[in-house]
C-alpha atoms as a PDB file:
ATOM      1  CA  MET A   1     -66.841  94.970 125.935  1.00  0.00           C
ATOM      2  CA  ALA A   2     -68.977  92.184 124.451  1.00  0.00           C
ATOM      3  CA  LYS A   3     -70.617  89.813 126.856  1.00  0.00           C
ATOM      4  CA  LYS A   4     -69.540  86.155 126.492  1.00  0.00           C
ATOM      5  CA  LYS A   5     -72.389  83.843 125.588  1.00  0.00           C
ATOM      6  CA  ASN A   6     -73.061  80.576 127.294  1.00  0.00           C
ATOM      7  CA  PRO A   7     -73.393  77.822 124.642  1.00  0.00           C
ATOM      8  CA  GLU A   8     -76.517  76.538 126.362  1.00  0.00           C
ATOM      9  CA  ASP A   9     -78.193  79.967 126.281  1.00  0.00           C
ATOM     10  CA  ILE A  10     -79.145  80.502 122.635  1.00  0.00           C
ATOM     11  CA  SER A  11     -81.518  83.401 123.128  1.00  0.00           C
ATOM     12  CA  GLY A  12     -80.510  86.396 121.049  1.00  0.00           C
ATOM     13  CA  SER A  13     -78.193  84.327 118.840  1.00  0.00           C
ATOM     14  CA  THR A  14     -78.307  84.254 115.109  1.00  0.00           C
ATOM     15  CA  PHE A  15     -78.740  80.992 113.254  1.00  0.00           C
ATOM     16  CA  ALA A  16     -75.108  81.168 112.151  1.00  0.00           C
ATOM     17  CA  ASP A  17     -73.916  81.285 115.767  1.00  0.00           C
ATOM     18  CA  LEU A  18     -76.178  78.379 116.666  1.00  0.00           C
ATOM     19  CA  TYR A  19     -75.045  76.376 113.638  1.00  0.00           C
ATOM     20  CA  ASP A  20     -71.352  76.880 114.476  1.00  0.00           C
ATOM     21  CA  VAL A  21     -71.877  75.724 118.075  1.00  0.00           C
ATOM     22  CA  GLN A  22     -73.781  72.663 116.943  1.00  0.00           C
ATOM     23  CA  GLN A  23     -71.124  71.806 114.346  1.00  0.00           C
ATOM     24  CA  ALA A  24     -68.386  72.107 116.979  1.00  0.00           C
ATOM     25  CA  PHE A  25     -70.198  69.553 119.136  1.00  0.00           C
ATOM     26  CA  ILE A  26     -70.784  67.216 116.199  1.00  0.00           C
ATOM     27  CA  ARG A  27     -67.186  67.333 114.882  1.00  0.00           C
ATOM     28  CA  LYS A  28     -65.524  66.915 118.268  1.00  0.00           C
ATOM     29  CA  ASP A  29     -65.519  63.093 118.282  1.00  0.00           C
ATOM     30  CA  THR A  30     -65.436  62.297 114.568  1.00  0.00           C
ATOM     31  CA  LYS A  31     -62.490  61.054 112.571  1.00  0.00           C
ATOM     32  CA  PRO A  32     -61.034  63.317 109.879  1.00  0.00           C
ATOM     33  CA  ILE A  33     -62.583  62.945 106.452  1.00  0.00           C
ATOM     34  CA  GLY A  34     -60.482  61.662 103.585  1.00  0.00           C
ATOM     35  CA  ARG A  35     -57.605  59.319 103.062  1.00  0.00           C
ATOM     36  CA  PRO A  36     -55.335  58.906 106.104  1.00  0.00           C
ATOM     37  CA  LYS A  37     -51.870  60.408 105.865  1.00  0.00           C
ATOM     38  CA  ASN A  38     -48.935  58.090 105.293  1.00  0.00           C
ATOM     39  CA  LYS A  39     -46.564  57.545 108.174  1.00  0.00           C
ATOM     40  CA  ILE A  40     -43.743  58.883 106.035  1.00  0.00           C
ATOM     41  CA  GLN A  41     -44.596  62.015 104.085  1.00  0.00           C
ATOM     42  CA  ARG A  42     -43.036  62.117 100.614  1.00  0.00           C
ATOM     43  CA  LYS A  43     -42.367  65.135  98.461  1.00  0.00           C
ATOM     44  CA  PRO A  44     -43.791  64.776  94.965  1.00  0.00           C
ATOM     45  CA  THR A  45     -41.123  64.918  92.299  1.00  0.00           C
ATOM     46  CA  THR A  46     -40.803  63.792  88.717  1.00  0.00           C
ATOM     47  CA  VAL A  47     -38.414  60.983  87.855  1.00  0.00           C
ATOM     48  CA  TYR A  48     -37.513  60.367  84.232  1.00  0.00           C
ATOM     49  CA  LEU A  49     -36.572  56.751  83.541  1.00  0.00           C
ATOM     50  CA  THR A  50     -35.434  54.956  80.431  1.00  0.00           C
ATOM     51  CA  LYS A  51     -37.576  52.090  79.204  1.00  0.00           C
ATOM     52  CA  ASP A  52     -35.171  49.553  80.749  1.00  0.00           C
ATOM     53  CA  GLU A  53     -35.103  51.405  84.084  1.00  0.00           C
ATOM     54  CA  TYR A  54     -38.891  51.587  84.115  1.00  0.00           C
ATOM     55  CA  ASN A  55     -39.187  47.854  83.389  1.00  0.00           C
ATOM     56  CA  THR A  56     -36.691  47.111  86.159  1.00  0.00           C
ATOM     57  CA  LEU A  57     -38.656  49.295  88.579  1.00  0.00           C
ATOM     58  CA  ARG A  58     -41.884  47.569  87.573  1.00  0.00           C
ATOM     59  CA  ARG A  59     -40.339  44.108  88.117  1.00  0.00           C
ATOM     60  CA  LEU A  60     -38.925  45.200  91.480  1.00  0.00           C
ATOM     61  CA  HIS A  61     -42.318  46.549  92.497  1.00  0.00           C
ATOM     62  CA  LEU A  62     -44.004  43.244  91.634  1.00  0.00           C
ATOM     63  CA  THR A  63     -41.297  41.138  93.322  1.00  0.00           C
ATOM     64  CA  ILE A  64     -41.239  43.179  96.523  1.00  0.00           C
ATOM     65  CA  GLY A  65     -45.036  43.426  96.438  1.00  0.00           C
ATOM     66  CA  ASP A  66     -45.237  39.619  96.610  1.00  0.00           C
ATOM     67  CA  HIS A  67     -43.585  39.767 100.042  1.00  0.00           C
ATOM     68  CA  ILE A  68     -44.649  43.172 101.387  1.00  0.00           C
ATOM     69  CA  ALA A  69     -48.293  44.033 100.883  1.00  0.00           C
ATOM     70  CA  SER A  70     -48.212  47.799 100.556  1.00  0.00           C
ATOM     71  CA  VAL A  71     -45.033  48.998  98.919  1.00  0.00           C
ATOM     72  CA  SER A  72     -45.052  51.820  96.401  1.00  0.00           C
ATOM     73  CA  ARG A  73     -42.704  52.624  93.565  1.00  0.00           C
ATOM     74  CA  SER A  74     -41.803  55.828  95.390  1.00  0.00           C
ATOM     75  CA  GLU A  75     -40.601  53.808  98.360  1.00  0.00           C
ATOM     76  CA  ILE A  76     -38.442  51.653  96.083  1.00  0.00           C
ATOM     77  CA  ILE A  77     -36.900  54.734  94.475  1.00  0.00           C
ATOM     78  CA  GLY A  78     -36.353  56.217  97.952  1.00  0.00           C
ATOM     79  CA  LEU A  79     -34.567  53.020  99.015  1.00  0.00           C
ATOM     80  CA  ALA A  80     -32.339  53.235  95.950  1.00  0.00           C
ATOM     81  CA  VAL A  81     -31.421  56.829  96.825  1.00  0.00           C
ATOM     82  CA  GLU A  82     -30.589  55.824 100.409  1.00  0.00           C
ATOM     83  CA  LEU A  83     -28.468  52.860  99.268  1.00  0.00           C
ATOM     84  CA  ILE A  84     -26.485  54.969  96.800  1.00  0.00           C
ATOM     85  CA  SER A  85     -25.975  57.579  99.505  1.00  0.00           C
ATOM     86  CA  GLU A  86     -24.621  54.916 101.883  1.00  0.00           C
ATOM     87  CA  VAL A  87     -22.248  53.540  99.237  1.00  0.00           C
ATOM     88  CA  VAL A  88     -20.937  57.019  98.436  1.00  0.00           C
ATOM     89  CA  SER A  89     -20.494  58.047 102.074  1.00  0.00           C
ATOM     90  CA  ALA A  90     -18.797  54.749 103.007  1.00  0.00           C
ATOM     91  CA  ASN A  91     -16.387  54.747 100.058  1.00  0.00           C
ATOM     92  CA  ASP A  92     -15.598  58.409  99.474  1.00  0.00           C
ATOM     93  CA  TYR A  93     -13.746  59.157 102.708  1.00  0.00           C
ATOM     94  CA  ASP A  94     -10.713  60.426 100.786  1.00  0.00           C
ATOM     95  CA  GLY A  95     -12.377  61.583  97.551  1.00  0.00           C
ATOM     96  CA  SER A  96     -11.159  58.590  95.565  1.00  0.00           C
ATOM     97  CA  LEU A  97     -14.612  57.417  94.518  1.00  0.00           C
ATOM     98  CA  PHE A  98     -14.958  60.264  92.023  1.00  0.00           C
ATOM     99  CA  ALA A  99     -11.271  60.442  91.037  1.00  0.00           C
ATOM    100  CA  GLY A 100     -10.911  59.921  87.310  1.00  0.00           C
ATOM    101  CA  VAL A 101     -14.654  59.597  86.716  1.00  0.00           C
ATOM    102  CA  ARG A 102     -15.674  61.710  83.735  1.00  0.00           C
ATOM    103  CA  SER A 103     -19.213  60.486  83.048  1.00  0.00           C
ATOM    104  CA  PHE A 104     -22.254  59.155  84.805  1.00  0.00           C
ATOM    105  CA  GLU A 105     -21.661  55.757  83.209  1.00  0.00           C
ATOM    106  CA  GLY A 106     -18.193  55.705  84.763  1.00  0.00           C
ATOM    107  CA  LEU A 107     -19.639  56.510  88.178  1.00  0.00           C
ATOM    108  CA  LYS A 108     -22.335  53.878  87.696  1.00  0.00           C
ATOM    109  CA  GLN A 109     -19.681  51.272  86.856  1.00  0.00           C
ATOM    110  CA  ARG A 110     -17.551  52.236  89.872  1.00  0.00           C
ATOM    111  CA  ILE A 111     -20.558  51.953  92.240  1.00  0.00           C
ATOM    112  CA  MET A 112     -21.520  48.589  90.683  1.00  0.00           C
ATOM    113  CA  ASP A 113     -17.954  47.354  91.256  1.00  0.00           C
ATOM    114  CA  ILE A 114     -18.166  48.359  94.928  1.00  0.00           C
ATOM    115  CA  VAL A 115     -21.568  46.689  95.380  1.00  0.00           C
ATOM    116  CA  ASN A 116     -20.462  43.469  93.659  1.00  0.00           C
ATOM    117  CA  ASN A 117     -17.252  43.129  95.711  1.00  0.00           C
END
């Protein structure tokens, strides 16, 4: 069985062993290198927007950015997803929200009607 080495006793050690011990001491109290992680981790995904939707998102980003210093477009899109989810869950308790809807435009109009009322 191999004898455990005391970190202070470096006799008989290779340079690699010595280097690793020294690096462990150096890295112990340092902060991680690189950009800090966001509090909320987001999954990268691709969103395809029409020109009007993109312009609306850009205007929203600028407007919200005037009041909240560090808001990203991803956070705005995430908020939109959460709001639509809340509207659907609050208004589709009996399945009537999707009754008679045959297109996305019809669903969009029905959700807009609920939001505006």
